[in-house]
Amino acid sequence: MAQVLLPHGSMTTKFKAYFSTIFILCLAALLFAPLQAKAMQVTFMGRLANFEGIIPSLWSKIALDKERTEVITLNPRQRDVRVFNEAGMEIYAFGDNIELAGATDLDLDEQGNIYLVFPRAQNQQLLKLDYKGDYLEAFALKDIPADYLPFNPEHLQYLDGMIYLADSGSMDVIVTDTSGNFQKGYRLKEALRQVEDEFSGLEGEDVFNDPKRFENLDMTGFYVDHDTNIYFTISVLFSAFKLPAQGELRIFGSSGSGPGKFGVVAGITTDTQGNIYVTDRLRSVVMIFDSSFSFITEFGFRGTRPGNLIVPDDVIVDEKKGYIYVAQAANRGVSFFKLITD
């Protein structure tokens, strides 16, 4: 067999230098490459039900009782609140003992007390009930600055002794204590002007070319994470936003019909790892992004099979059980999925 002889001296030195360089580059790539997002698998578990079957609803609002690992839903059309156990079975319901007409959202405090918001109420916009639905208190918002008025909050979230309220039309957010006393506020439309250039020159929607395009926008989804970062979605801009507790507004998402693209975005939430969950009414999926807004996966897809979704809206994550709850239209009720992270 013929042998290939490598010359001694300069050529040998060059080859050694070449392979040494390759080795160093590969080692550096391993050491300094960014950590890859963990793979996620989502498995359909069922829909919230009672002993009569699946409970139909249209875009219910969903809340968690984290201390008792229970799920609570508000069905604005049926004017009822229902409580479900870990298996997704109803254990309690109320609505005939309290007037819930006009309520649009709910959340719970650490004791299991339930807060509901009534955006069109003249005087008492907040209602507090105990865990059985018995009346505790109704109260108005107090000391709201004049430049936030009128304020008609449709979204409510309880967090660490404070109540976050958001008006979809004005896109103002007000933080109160548990008696409705104003603490601070956020003008999200003013924050949008920080990213106005992102939408300049886009075609296909009149809103992009209207000089007053940000004055007439509506907020769709709203959520505040454990670090008090505010997340929200605007359907007509095909975008989701994060307003850090300290920092400038950040934007992510783009229009499209493929995986990770936005059709008509709606609900938004996060988990404690910083992953972001966004529902899309048009594409009928729930998309998951990491904390850097990189797309991870999506699930649901339009259809009537068990794991499909029909026009999903509200979404919430129960990390204790590893469940994701998703409210739908067409009386499909609330579906829940198991999230598995590798």
C-alpha atoms as a PDB file:
ATOM      1  CA  MET A   1       0.000   0.000   0.000  1.00  0.00           C
ATOM      2  CA  ALA A   2       1.363   3.384  -0.893  1.00  0.00           C
ATOM      3  CA  GLN A   3       2.320   5.583   1.974  1.00  0.00           C
ATOM      4  CA  VAL A   4       1.833   9.301   2.148  1.00  0.00           C
ATOM      5  CA  LEU A   5       4.813  10.890   3.784  1.00  0.00           C
ATOM      6  CA  LEU A   6       4.402  14.223   5.459  1.00  0.00           C
ATOM      7  CA  PRO A   7       7.468  16.401   5.186  1.00  0.00           C
ATOM      8  CA  HIS A   8       9.168  17.371   8.371  1.00  0.00           C
ATOM      9  CA  GLY A   9       9.758  20.936   9.408  1.00  0.00           C
ATOM     10  CA  SER A  10       7.499  23.794   8.341  1.00  0.00           C
ATOM     11  CA  MET A  11       4.593  21.735   6.898  1.00  0.00           C
ATOM     12  CA  THR A  12       4.338  19.598  10.038  1.00  0.00           C
ATOM     13  CA  THR A  13       4.254  22.735  12.120  1.00  0.00           C
ATOM     14  CA  LYS A  14       1.513  24.202   9.933  1.00  0.00           C
ATOM     15  CA  PHE A  15      -0.663  21.097  10.297  1.00  0.00           C
ATOM     16  CA  LYS A  16      -0.195  21.096  14.056  1.00  0.00           C
ATOM     17  CA  ALA A  17      -1.126  24.753  14.218  1.00  0.00           C
ATOM     18  CA  TYR A  18      -4.159  24.155  11.992  1.00  0.00           C
ATOM     19  CA  PHE A  19      -5.584  21.318  14.112  1.00  0.00           C
ATOM     20  CA  SER A  20      -4.805  23.184  17.315  1.00  0.00           C
ATOM     21  CA  THR A  21      -6.795  26.138  16.030  1.00  0.00           C
ATOM     22  CA  ILE A  22      -9.739  23.899  15.106  1.00  0.00           C
ATOM     23  CA  PHE A  23      -9.677  22.271  18.548  1.00  0.00           C
ATOM     24  CA  ILE A  24      -9.649  25.635  20.323  1.00  0.00           C
ATOM     25  CA  LEU A  25     -12.525  26.956  18.221  1.00  0.00           C
ATOM     26  CA  CYS A  26     -14.641  23.856  18.893  1.00  0.00           C
ATOM     27  CA  LEU A  27     -13.920  24.026  22.611  1.00  0.00           C
ATOM     28  CA  ALA A  28     -14.836  27.709  22.700  1.00  0.00           C
ATOM     29  CA  ALA A  29     -18.081  26.991  20.868  1.00  0.00           C
ATOM     30  CA  LEU A  30     -19.026  24.431  23.497  1.00  0.00           C
ATOM     31  CA  LEU A  31     -18.065  26.615  26.419  1.00  0.00           C
ATOM     32  CA  PHE A  32     -19.586  29.876  25.279  1.00  0.00           C
ATOM     33  CA  ALA A  33     -22.580  28.777  23.211  1.00  0.00           C
ATOM     34  CA  PRO A  34     -25.905  29.923  24.737  1.00  0.00           C
ATOM     35  CA  LEU A  35     -27.896  27.333  26.634  1.00  0.00           C
ATOM     36  CA  GLN A  36     -30.573  25.754  24.468  1.00  0.00           C
ATOM     37  CA  ALA A  37     -34.167  26.011  25.600  1.00  0.00           C
ATOM     38  CA  LYS A  38     -35.454  22.809  27.161  1.00  0.00           C
ATOM     39  CA  ALA A  39     -37.660  20.703  24.934  1.00  0.00           C
ATOM     40  CA  MET A  40     -41.345  20.854  25.821  1.00  0.00           C
ATOM     41  CA  GLN A  41     -44.054  18.305  25.224  1.00  0.00           C
ATOM     42  CA  VAL A  42     -47.729  19.094  25.689  1.00  0.00           C
ATOM     43  CA  THR A  43     -50.321  16.349  26.194  1.00  0.00           C
ATOM     44  CA  PHE A  44     -54.078  16.860  26.182  1.00  0.00           C
ATOM     45  CA  MET A  45     -55.667  15.822  29.489  1.00  0.00           C
ATOM     46  CA  GLY A  46     -59.324  16.778  29.169  1.00  0.00           C
ATOM     47  CA  ARG A  47     -61.906  19.515  29.546  1.00  0.00           C
ATOM     48  CA  LEU A  48     -63.390  20.857  32.755  1.00  0.00           C
ATOM     49  CA  ALA A  49     -66.515  18.884  33.563  1.00  0.00           C
ATOM     50  CA  ASN A  50     -69.026  17.746  36.149  1.00  0.00           C
ATOM     51  CA  PHE A  51     -70.925  14.468  36.507  1.00  0.00           C
ATOM     52  CA  GLU A  52     -73.252  15.518  33.688  1.00  0.00           C
ATOM     53  CA  GLY A  53     -70.378  15.928  31.224  1.00  0.00           C
ATOM     54  CA  ILE A  54     -68.235  18.678  29.728  1.00  0.00           C
ATOM     55  CA  ILE A  55     -69.275  22.136  30.955  1.00  0.00           C
ATOM     56  CA  PRO A  56     -69.902  24.348  27.921  1.00  0.00           C
ATOM     57  CA  SER A  57     -68.751  27.964  28.004  1.00  0.00           C
ATOM     58  CA  LEU A  58     -67.705  30.799  25.730  1.00  0.00           C
ATOM     59  CA  TRP A  59     -64.367  32.442  26.589  1.00  0.00           C
ATOM     60  CA  SER A  60     -64.526  31.882  30.330  1.00  0.00           C
ATOM     61  CA  LYS A  61     -61.988  33.671  32.485  1.00  0.00           C
ATOM     62  CA  ILE A  62     -59.689  31.348  34.425  1.00  0.00           C
ATOM     63  CA  ALA A  63     -58.008  31.777  37.819  1.00  0.00           C
ATOM     64  CA  LEU A  64     -56.004  29.493  40.110  1.00  0.00           C
ATOM     65  CA  ASP A  65     -56.277  28.873  43.831  1.00  0.00           C
ATOM     66  CA  LYS A  66     -52.587  28.031  44.191  1.00  0.00           C
ATOM     67  CA  GLU A  67     -52.835  27.078  47.863  1.00  0.00           C
ATOM     68  CA  ARG A  68     -55.542  24.490  47.218  1.00  0.00           C
ATOM     69  CA  THR A  69     -54.589  23.554  43.622  1.00  0.00           C
ATOM     70  CA  GLU A  70     -58.091  24.356  42.422  1.00  0.00           C
ATOM     71  CA  VAL A  71     -59.219  26.041  39.206  1.00  0.00           C
ATOM     72  CA  ILE A  72     -61.915  28.727  39.207  1.00  0.00           C
ATOM     73  CA  THR A  73     -63.766  29.952  36.129  1.00  0.00           C
ATOM     74  CA  LEU A  74     -66.062  32.889  35.467  1.00  0.00           C
ATOM     75  CA  ASN A  75     -68.529  32.441  32.645  1.00  0.00           C
ATOM     76  CA  PRO A  76     -69.754  36.002  31.936  1.00  0.00           C
ATOM     77  CA  ARG A  77     -72.630  34.836  29.751  1.00  0.00           C
ATOM     78  CA  GLN A  78     -73.982  32.275  32.180  1.00  0.00           C
ATOM     79  CA  ARG A  79     -73.173  34.583  35.119  1.00  0.00           C
ATOM     80  CA  ASP A  80     -71.685  31.842  37.231  1.00  0.00           C
ATOM     81  CA  VAL A  81     -68.435  30.919  38.950  1.00  0.00           C
ATOM     82  CA  ARG A  82     -67.310  27.282  39.115  1.00  0.00           C
ATOM     83  CA  VAL A  83     -64.600  25.599  41.157  1.00  0.00           C
ATOM     84  CA  PHE A  84     -62.765  22.475  39.930  1.00  0.00           C
ATOM     85  CA  ASN A  85     -60.411  20.024  41.628  1.00  0.00           C
ATOM     86  CA  GLU A  86     -57.074  18.697  40.360  1.00  0.00           C
ATOM     87  CA  ALA A  87     -58.819  16.193  38.104  1.00  0.00           C
ATOM     88  CA  GLY A  88     -60.811  18.930  36.371  1.00  0.00           C
ATOM     89  CA  MET A  89     -64.114  17.934  38.025  1.00  0.00           C
ATOM     90  CA  GLU A  90     -66.487  20.556  39.385  1.00  0.00           C
ATOM     91  CA  ILE A  91     -66.749  20.577  43.163  1.00  0.00           C
ATOM     92  CA  TYR A  92     -68.685  23.781  43.710  1.00  0.00           C
ATOM     93  CA  ALA A  93     -70.569  26.480  41.790  1.00  0.00           C
ATOM     94  CA  PHE A  94     -72.382  29.697  42.576  1.00  0.00           C
ATOM     95  CA  GLY A  95     -74.114  32.572  40.851  1.00  0.00           C
ATOM     96  CA  ASP A  96     -77.695  32.227  41.947  1.00  0.00           C
ATOM     97  CA  ASN A  97     -76.824  33.678  45.364  1.00  0.00           C
ATOM     98  CA  ILE A  98     -75.004  36.771  44.098  1.00  0.00           C
ATOM     99  CA  GLU A  99     -75.471  39.160  41.173  1.00  0.00           C
ATOM    100  CA  LEU A 100     -72.667  38.550  38.647  1.00  0.00           C
ATOM    101  CA  ALA A 101     -74.144  40.375  35.647  1.00  0.00           C
ATOM    102  CA  GLY A 102     -71.466  42.563  34.085  1.00  0.00           C
ATOM    103  CA  ALA A 103     -68.484  40.817  35.716  1.00  0.00           C
ATOM    104  CA  THR A 104     -65.638  40.365  33.225  1.00  0.00           C
ATOM    105  CA  ASP A 105     -62.702  38.898  35.184  1.00  0.00           C
ATOM    106  CA  LEU A 106     -61.728  37.360  38.520  1.00  0.00           C
ATOM    107  CA  ASP A 107     -58.785  36.332  40.669  1.00  0.00           C
ATOM    108  CA  LEU A 108     -58.067  35.017  44.169  1.00  0.00           C
ATOM    109  CA  ASP A 109     -55.936  36.097  47.110  1.00  0.00           C
ATOM    110  CA  GLU A 110     -53.900  33.826  49.398  1.00  0.00           C
ATOM    111  CA  GLN A 111     -56.909  33.115  51.636  1.00  0.00           C
ATOM    112  CA  GLY A 112     -59.039  31.983  48.714  1.00  0.00           C
ATOM    113  CA  ASN A 113     -61.181  35.139  48.652  1.00  0.00           C
ATOM    114  CA  ILE A 114     -62.448  35.951  45.170  1.00  0.00           C
ATOM    115  CA  TYR A 115     -62.276  39.399  43.553  1.00  0.00           C
ATOM    116  CA  LEU A 116     -64.425  40.252  40.527  1.00  0.00           C
ATOM    117  CA  VAL A 117     -64.411  43.382  38.385  1.00  0.00           C
ATOM    118  CA  PHE A 118     -67.442  45.130  36.867  1.00  0.00           C
ATOM    119  CA  PRO A 119     -66.187  47.656  34.271  1.00  0.00           C
ATOM    120  CA  ARG A 120     -69.495  49.432  33.696  1.00  0.00           C
ATOM    121  CA  ALA A 121     -70.512  49.790  37.321  1.00  0.00           C
ATOM    122  CA  GLN A 122     -70.989  53.409  38.342  1.00  0.00           C
ATOM    123  CA  ASN A 123     -69.866  53.191  41.949  1.00  0.00           C
ATOM    124  CA  GLN A 124     -68.810  49.724  43.050  1.00  0.00           C
ATOM    125  CA  GLN A 125     -66.516  48.243  40.415  1.00  0.00           C
ATOM    126  CA  LEU A 126     -64.950  45.575  42.624  1.00  0.00           C
ATOM    127  CA  LEU A 127     -66.687  42.758  44.479  1.00  0.00           C
ATOM    128  CA  LYS A 128     -65.061  40.555  47.113  1.00  0.00           C
ATOM    129  CA  LEU A 129     -66.504  37.131  47.945  1.00  0.00           C
ATOM    130  CA  ASP A 130     -65.336  34.321  50.193  1.00  0.00           C
ATOM    131  CA  TYR A 131     -64.317  30.962  48.746  1.00  0.00           C
ATOM    132  CA  LYS A 132     -67.956  29.778  48.865  1.00  0.00           C
ATOM    133  CA  GLY A 133     -69.187  32.786  46.931  1.00  0.00           C
ATOM    134  CA  ASP A 134     -70.746  34.536  49.904  1.00  0.00           C
ATOM    135  CA  TYR A 135     -70.686  38.326  49.893  1.00  0.00           C
ATOM    136  CA  LEU A 136     -67.895  40.063  51.795  1.00  0.00           C
ATOM    137  CA  GLU A 137     -67.576  43.561  50.347  1.00  0.00           C
ATOM    138  CA  ALA A 138     -68.242  45.724  47.302  1.00  0.00           C
ATOM    139  CA  PHE A 139     -66.180  48.837  46.799  1.00  0.00           C
ATOM    140  CA  ALA A 140     -65.303  51.562  44.336  1.00  0.00           C
ATOM    141  CA  LEU A 141     -61.931  52.672  43.020  1.00  0.00           C
ATOM    142  CA  LYS A 142     -60.663  55.618  45.028  1.00  0.00           C
ATOM    143  CA  ASP A 143     -58.386  58.595  44.340  1.00  0.00           C
ATOM    144  CA  ILE A 144     -57.930  57.802  40.648  1.00  0.00           C
ATOM    145  CA  PRO A 145     -55.962  60.647  38.970  1.00  0.00           C
ATOM    146  CA  ALA A 146     -58.056  62.726  36.586  1.00  0.00           C
ATOM    147  CA  ASP A 147     -55.960  61.840  33.531  1.00  0.00           C
ATOM    148  CA  TYR A 148     -56.925  58.152  33.965  1.00  0.00           C
ATOM    149  CA  LEU A 149     -60.647  58.902  33.928  1.00  0.00           C
ATOM    150  CA  PRO A 150     -62.927  57.518  32.692  1.00  0.00           C
ATOM    151  CA  PHE A 151     -61.501  54.139  33.666  1.00  0.00           C
ATOM    152  CA  ASN A 152     -63.453  50.961  32.817  1.00  0.00           C
ATOM    153  CA  PRO A 153     -61.307  47.972  33.772  1.00  0.00           C
ATOM    154  CA  GLU A 154     -62.068  44.648  32.091  1.00  0.00           C
ATOM    155  CA  HIS A 155     -59.007  42.736  33.347  1.00  0.00           C
ATOM    156  CA  LEU A 156     -58.212  41.982  36.987  1.00  0.00           C
ATOM    157  CA  GLN A 157     -55.234  40.282  38.609  1.00  0.00           C
ATOM    158  CA  TYR A 158     -54.339  39.908  42.264  1.00  0.00           C
ATOM    159  CA  LEU A 159     -50.621  39.879  43.083  1.00  0.00           C
ATOM    160  CA  ASP A 160     -48.915  40.137  46.492  1.00  0.00           C
ATOM    161  CA  GLY A 161     -51.590  42.197  48.184  1.00  0.00           C
ATOM    162  CA  MET A 162     -52.255  44.448  45.196  1.00  0.00           C
ATOM    163  CA  ILE A 163     -54.951  44.433  42.523  1.00  0.00           C
ATOM    164  CA  TYR A 164     -53.935  45.167  38.924  1.00  0.00           C
ATOM    165  CA  LEU A 165     -56.750  46.488  36.736  1.00  0.00           C
ATOM    166  CA  ALA A 166     -56.543  47.115  32.987  1.00  0.00           C
ATOM    167  CA  ASP A 167     -58.883  49.049  30.695  1.00  0.00           C
ATOM    168  CA  SER A 168     -58.739  47.457  27.224  1.00  0.00           C
ATOM    169  CA  GLY A 169     -59.882  50.587  25.397  1.00  0.00           C
ATOM    170  CA  SER A 170     -57.712  53.231  27.031  1.00  0.00           C
ATOM    171  CA  MET A 171     -54.924  50.686  27.633  1.00  0.00           C
ATOM    172  CA  ASP A 172     -54.373  52.191  31.070  1.00  0.00           C
ATOM    173  CA  VAL A 173     -53.384  50.011  34.019  1.00  0.00           C
ATOM    174  CA  ILE A 174     -54.115  50.949  37.612  1.00  0.00           C
ATOM    175  CA  VAL A 175     -52.742  49.276  40.730  1.00  0.00           C
ATOM    176  CA  THR A 176     -54.812  49.482  43.918  1.00  0.00           C
ATOM    177  CA  ASP A 177     -54.714  47.937  47.358  1.00  0.00           C
ATOM    178  CA  THR A 178     -57.399  45.427  48.341  1.00  0.00           C
ATOM    179  CA  SER A 179     -59.754  48.250  49.271  1.00  0.00           C
ATOM    180  CA  GLY A 180     -59.547  49.959  45.874  1.00  0.00           C
ATOM    181  CA  ASN A 181     -57.208  52.798  46.878  1.00  0.00           C
ATOM    182  CA  PHE A 182     -55.030  53.985  43.988  1.00  0.00           C
ATOM    183  CA  GLN A 183     -51.313  53.186  44.315  1.00  0.00           C
ATOM    184  CA  LYS A 184     -49.846  53.761  40.844  1.00  0.00           C
ATOM    185  CA  GLY A 185     -50.701  53.605  37.171  1.00  0.00           C
ATOM    186  CA  TYR A 186     -49.289  52.839  33.726  1.00  0.00           C
ATOM    187  CA  ARG A 187     -50.204  54.478  30.402  1.00  0.00           C
ATOM    188  CA  LEU A 188     -49.493  51.684  27.916  1.00  0.00           C
ATOM    189  CA  LYS A 189     -50.360  53.753  24.842  1.00  0.00           C
ATOM    190  CA  GLU A 190     -47.676  56.220  25.836  1.00  0.00           C
ATOM    191  CA  ALA A 191     -45.228  53.362  26.248  1.00  0.00           C
ATOM    192  CA  LEU A 192     -46.120  52.182  22.719  1.00  0.00           C
ATOM    193  CA  ARG A 193     -44.611  55.338  21.266  1.00  0.00           C
ATOM    194  CA  GLN A 194     -41.227  53.907  22.251  1.00  0.00           C
ATOM    195  CA  VAL A 195     -41.646  51.271  19.525  1.00  0.00           C
ATOM    196  CA  GLU A 196     -43.643  53.290  16.999  1.00  0.00           C
ATOM    197  CA  ASP A 197     -40.931  52.950  14.350  1.00  0.00           C
ATOM    198  CA  GLU A 198     -41.376  49.169  14.437  1.00  0.00           C
ATOM    199  CA  PHE A 199     -44.707  49.591  12.652  1.00  0.00           C
ATOM    200  CA  SER A 200     -43.839  52.330  10.183  1.00  0.00           C
ATOM    201  CA  GLY A 201     -44.260  51.393   6.533  1.00  0.00           C
ATOM    202  CA  LEU A 202     -46.028  48.095   7.093  1.00  0.00           C
ATOM    203  CA  GLU A 203     -48.689  47.295   4.533  1.00  0.00           C
ATOM    204  CA  GLY A 204     -52.021  45.548   4.589  1.00  0.00           C
ATOM    205  CA  GLU A 205     -53.737  47.286   7.499  1.00  0.00           C
ATOM    206  CA  ASP A 206     -55.013  50.854   7.664  1.00  0.00           C
ATOM    207  CA  VAL A 207     -53.916  51.053  11.272  1.00  0.00           C
ATOM    208  CA  PHE A 208     -50.268  51.060  10.177  1.00  0.00           C
ATOM    209  CA  ASN A 209     -50.655  54.153   8.005  1.00  0.00           C
ATOM    210  CA  ASP A 210     -52.978  56.126  10.263  1.00  0.00           C
ATOM    211  CA  PRO A 211     -51.036  58.884  12.066  1.00  0.00           C
ATOM    212  CA  LYS A 212     -53.336  58.303  15.055  1.00  0.00           C
ATOM    213  CA  ARG A 213     -52.941  54.532  14.876  1.00  0.00           C
ATOM    214  CA  PHE A 214     -52.005  54.153  18.534  1.00  0.00           C
ATOM    215  CA  GLU A 215     -54.879  56.262  19.834  1.00  0.00           C
ATOM    216  CA  ASN A 216     -57.582  53.823  18.716  1.00  0.00           C
ATOM    217  CA  LEU A 217     -55.942  50.536  19.643  1.00  0.00           C
ATOM    218  CA  ASP A 218     -57.463  47.998  22.016  1.00  0.00           C
ATOM    219  CA  MET A 219     -55.553  45.682  24.296  1.00  0.00           C
ATOM    220  CA  THR A 220     -56.616  42.028  24.077  1.00  0.00           C
ATOM    221  CA  GLY A 221     -54.612  39.985  26.574  1.00  0.00           C
ATOM    222  CA  PHE A 222     -53.161  41.194  29.879  1.00  0.00           C
ATOM    223  CA  TYR A 223     -50.953  39.609  32.544  1.00  0.00           C
ATOM    224  CA  VAL A 224     -48.548  40.639  35.325  1.00  0.00           C
ATOM    225  CA  ASP A 225     -45.798  38.189  36.328  1.00  0.00           C
ATOM    226  CA  HIS A 226     -44.299  37.618  39.784  1.00  0.00           C
ATOM    227  CA  ASP A 227     -41.661  40.312  39.100  1.00  0.00           C
ATOM    228  CA  THR A 228     -44.427  42.816  38.206  1.00  0.00           C
ATOM    229  CA  ASN A 229     -43.496  42.844  34.516  1.00  0.00           C
ATOM    230  CA  ILE A 230     -46.596  43.660  32.461  1.00  0.00           C
ATOM    231  CA  TYR A 231     -47.423  41.581  29.375  1.00  0.00           C
ATOM    232  CA  PHE A 232     -50.148  42.428  26.884  1.00  0.00           C
ATOM    233  CA  THR A 233     -51.247  41.712  23.320  1.00  0.00           C
ATOM    234  CA  ILE A 234     -52.693  43.873  20.536  1.00  0.00           C
ATOM    235  CA  SER A 235     -54.376  41.814  17.838  1.00  0.00           C
ATOM    236  CA  VAL A 236     -54.338  44.379  15.023  1.00  0.00           C
ATOM    237  CA  LEU A 237     -50.585  44.896  15.432  1.00  0.00           C
ATOM    238  CA  PHE A 238     -49.901  41.122  15.367  1.00  0.00           C
ATOM    239  CA  SER A 239     -47.714  41.686  18.405  1.00  0.00           C
ATOM    240  CA  ALA A 240     -47.179  40.942  22.078  1.00  0.00           C
ATOM    241  CA  PHE A 241     -45.422  43.292  24.480  1.00  0.00           C
ATOM    242  CA  LYS A 242     -43.497  43.200  27.726  1.00  0.00           C
ATOM    243  CA  LEU A 243     -43.202  46.280  29.899  1.00  0.00           C
ATOM    244  CA  PRO A 244     -40.522  45.503  32.498  1.00  0.00           C
ATOM    245  CA  ALA A 245     -40.913  46.773  36.025  1.00  0.00           C
ATOM    246  CA  GLN A 246     -37.733  48.736  35.303  1.00  0.00           C
ATOM    247  CA  GLY A 247     -36.987  49.398  31.652  1.00  0.00           C
ATOM    248  CA  GLU A 248     -38.396  50.138  28.231  1.00  0.00           C
ATOM    249  CA  LEU A 249     -41.207  48.420  26.399  1.00  0.00           C
ATOM    250  CA  ARG A 250     -40.191  45.339  24.415  1.00  0.00           C
ATOM    251  CA  ILE A 251     -42.064  43.860  21.462  1.00  0.00           C
ATOM    252  CA  PHE A 252     -42.160  40.406  19.887  1.00  0.00           C
ATOM    253  CA  GLY A 253     -44.158  38.464  17.316  1.00  0.00           C
ATOM    254  CA  SER A 254     -44.870  38.801  13.604  1.00  0.00           C
ATOM    255  CA  SER A 255     -47.817  38.209  11.294  1.00  0.00           C
ATOM    256  CA  GLY A 256     -48.125  34.860   9.552  1.00  0.00           C
ATOM    257  CA  SER A 257     -49.805  31.462   9.413  1.00  0.00           C
ATOM    258  CA  GLY A 258     -46.827  29.243  10.221  1.00  0.00           C
ATOM    259  CA  PRO A 259     -45.564  27.964  13.571  1.00  0.00           C
ATOM    260  CA  GLY A 260     -44.825  30.773  16.003  1.00  0.00           C
ATOM    261  CA  LYS A 261     -46.532  33.398  13.833  1.00  0.00           C
ATOM    262  CA  PHE A 262     -49.392  35.627  14.956  1.00  0.00           C
ATOM    263  CA  GLY A 263     -52.837  35.653  13.367  1.00  0.00           C
ATOM    264  CA  VAL A 264     -55.221  37.137  15.922  1.00  0.00           C
ATOM    265  CA  VAL A 265     -53.391  36.988  19.238  1.00  0.00           C
ATOM    266  CA  ALA A 266     -55.400  37.123  22.446  1.00  0.00           C
ATOM    267  CA  GLY A 267     -54.522  35.747  25.888  1.00  0.00           C
ATOM    268  CA  ILE A 268     -51.037  35.894  27.374  1.00  0.00           C
ATOM    269  CA  THR A 269     -49.399  34.522  30.527  1.00  0.00           C
ATOM    270  CA  THR A 270     -45.997  33.370  31.805  1.00  0.00           C
ATOM    271  CA  ASP A 271     -44.482  30.785  34.128  1.00  0.00           C
ATOM    272  CA  THR A 272     -41.795  31.306  36.767  1.00  0.00           C
ATOM    273  CA  GLN A 273     -39.096  30.246  34.281  1.00  0.00           C
ATOM    274  CA  GLY A 274     -39.967  33.240  32.103  1.00  0.00           C
ATOM    275  CA  ASN A 275     -41.623  31.232  29.331  1.00  0.00           C
ATOM    276  CA  ILE A 276     -44.456  33.118  27.641  1.00  0.00           C
ATOM    277  CA  TYR A 277     -47.741  31.549  26.496  1.00  0.00           C
ATOM    278  CA  VAL A 278     -49.821  33.318  23.833  1.00  0.00           C
ATOM    279  CA  THR A 279     -53.164  32.184  22.403  1.00  0.00           C
ATOM    280  CA  ASP A 280     -54.133  32.850  18.806  1.00  0.00           C
ATOM    281  CA  ARG A 281     -57.840  32.965  18.007  1.00  0.00           C
ATOM    282  CA  LEU A 282     -57.381  32.733  14.239  1.00  0.00           C
ATOM    283  CA  ARG A 283     -54.829  29.923  14.168  1.00  0.00           C
ATOM    284  CA  SER A 284     -56.459  28.226  17.205  1.00  0.00           C
ATOM    285  CA  VAL A 285     -53.157  27.447  18.905  1.00  0.00           C
ATOM    286  CA  VAL A 286     -51.254  28.241  22.061  1.00  0.00           C
ATOM    287  CA  MET A 287     -47.672  29.317  21.327  1.00  0.00           C
ATOM    288  CA  ILE A 288     -44.832  29.061  23.833  1.00  0.00           C
ATOM    289  CA  PHE A 289     -41.818  31.401  23.728  1.00  0.00           C
ATOM    290  CA  ASP A 290     -38.819  31.543  26.021  1.00  0.00           C
ATOM    291  CA  SER A 291     -37.852  34.613  28.025  1.00  0.00           C
ATOM    292  CA  SER A 292     -35.841  35.929  25.046  1.00  0.00           C
ATOM    293  CA  PHE A 293     -38.991  35.707  22.859  1.00  0.00           C
ATOM    294  CA  SER A 294     -37.600  32.752  20.881  1.00  0.00           C
ATOM    295  CA  PHE A 295     -40.328  30.378  19.708  1.00  0.00           C
ATOM    296  CA  ILE A 296     -40.307  26.951  21.417  1.00  0.00           C
ATOM    297  CA  THR A 297     -43.445  25.114  20.355  1.00  0.00           C
ATOM    298  CA  GLU A 298     -47.196  25.383  19.889  1.00  0.00           C
ATOM    299  CA  PHE A 299     -50.199  23.125  20.440  1.00  0.00           C
ATOM    300  CA  GLY A 300     -53.947  22.934  19.942  1.00  0.00           C
ATOM    301  CA  PHE A 301     -54.801  23.551  16.278  1.00  0.00           C
ATOM    302  CA  ARG A 302     -58.311  24.123  14.965  1.00  0.00           C
ATOM    303  CA  GLY A 303     -60.671  21.165  15.061  1.00  0.00           C
ATOM    304  CA  THR A 304     -63.123  19.190  17.158  1.00  0.00           C
ATOM    305  CA  ARG A 305     -60.919  16.292  18.207  1.00  0.00           C
ATOM    306  CA  PRO A 306     -60.082  16.049  21.928  1.00  0.00           C
ATOM    307  CA  GLY A 307     -56.748  17.906  21.759  1.00  0.00           C
ATOM    308  CA  ASN A 308     -57.896  20.570  19.316  1.00  0.00           C
ATOM    309  CA  LEU A 309     -58.912  24.128  20.196  1.00  0.00           C
ATOM    310  CA  ILE A 310     -61.606  26.406  18.826  1.00  0.00           C
ATOM    311  CA  VAL A 311     -60.762  30.129  18.990  1.00  0.00           C
ATOM    312  CA  PRO A 312     -58.778  30.017  22.265  1.00  0.00           C
ATOM    313  CA  ASP A 313     -58.646  33.076  24.484  1.00  0.00           C
ATOM    314  CA  ASP A 314     -57.700  33.104  28.176  1.00  0.00           C
ATOM    315  CA  VAL A 315     -54.731  30.938  29.214  1.00  0.00           C
ATOM    316  CA  ILE A 316     -53.131  30.225  32.589  1.00  0.00           C
ATOM    317  CA  VAL A 317     -50.380  27.904  33.834  1.00  0.00           C
ATOM    318  CA  ASP A 318     -50.499  25.843  37.030  1.00  0.00           C
ATOM    319  CA  GLU A 319     -46.866  24.971  37.655  1.00  0.00           C
ATOM    320  CA  LYS A 320     -47.578  22.806  40.709  1.00  0.00           C
ATOM    321  CA  LYS A 321     -49.458  20.338  38.532  1.00  0.00           C
ATOM    322  CA  GLY A 322     -47.743  21.206  35.273  1.00  0.00           C
ATOM    323  CA  TYR A 323     -51.088  22.025  33.659  1.00  0.00           C
ATOM    324  CA  ILE A 324     -52.049  24.654  31.086  1.00  0.00           C
ATOM    325  CA  TYR A 325     -55.702  25.746  31.045  1.00  0.00           C
ATOM    326  CA  VAL A 326     -57.174  27.277  27.880  1.00  0.00           C
ATOM    327  CA  ALA A 327     -60.631  28.839  27.462  1.00  0.00           C
ATOM    328  CA  GLN A 328     -62.339  28.474  24.082  1.00  0.00           C
ATOM    329  CA  ALA A 329     -65.297  29.691  22.052  1.00  0.00           C
ATOM    330  CA  ALA A 330     -68.156  27.691  20.490  1.00  0.00           C
ATOM    331  CA  ASN A 331     -69.169  26.336  23.918  1.00  0.00           C
ATOM    332  CA  ARG A 332     -66.084  24.105  23.914  1.00  0.00           C
ATOM    333  CA  GLY A 333     -65.389  25.019  27.527  1.00  0.00           C
ATOM    334  CA  VAL A 334     -61.932  24.989  29.118  1.00  0.00           C
ATOM    335  CA  SER A 335     -59.350  22.433  27.983  1.00  0.00           C
ATOM    336  CA  PHE A 336     -56.329  21.523  30.064  1.00  0.00           C
ATOM    337  CA  PHE A 337     -53.005  20.080  28.967  1.00  0.00           C
ATOM    338  CA  LYS A 338     -50.031  18.519  30.719  1.00  0.00           C
ATOM    339  CA  LEU A 339     -46.706  20.268  30.166  1.00  0.00           C
ATOM    340  CA  ILE A 340     -43.612  18.064  30.259  1.00  0.00           C
ATOM    341  CA  THR A 341     -40.161  19.632  30.145  1.00  0.00           C
ATOM    342  CA  ASP A 342     -37.206  17.410  29.221  1.00  0.00           C
END
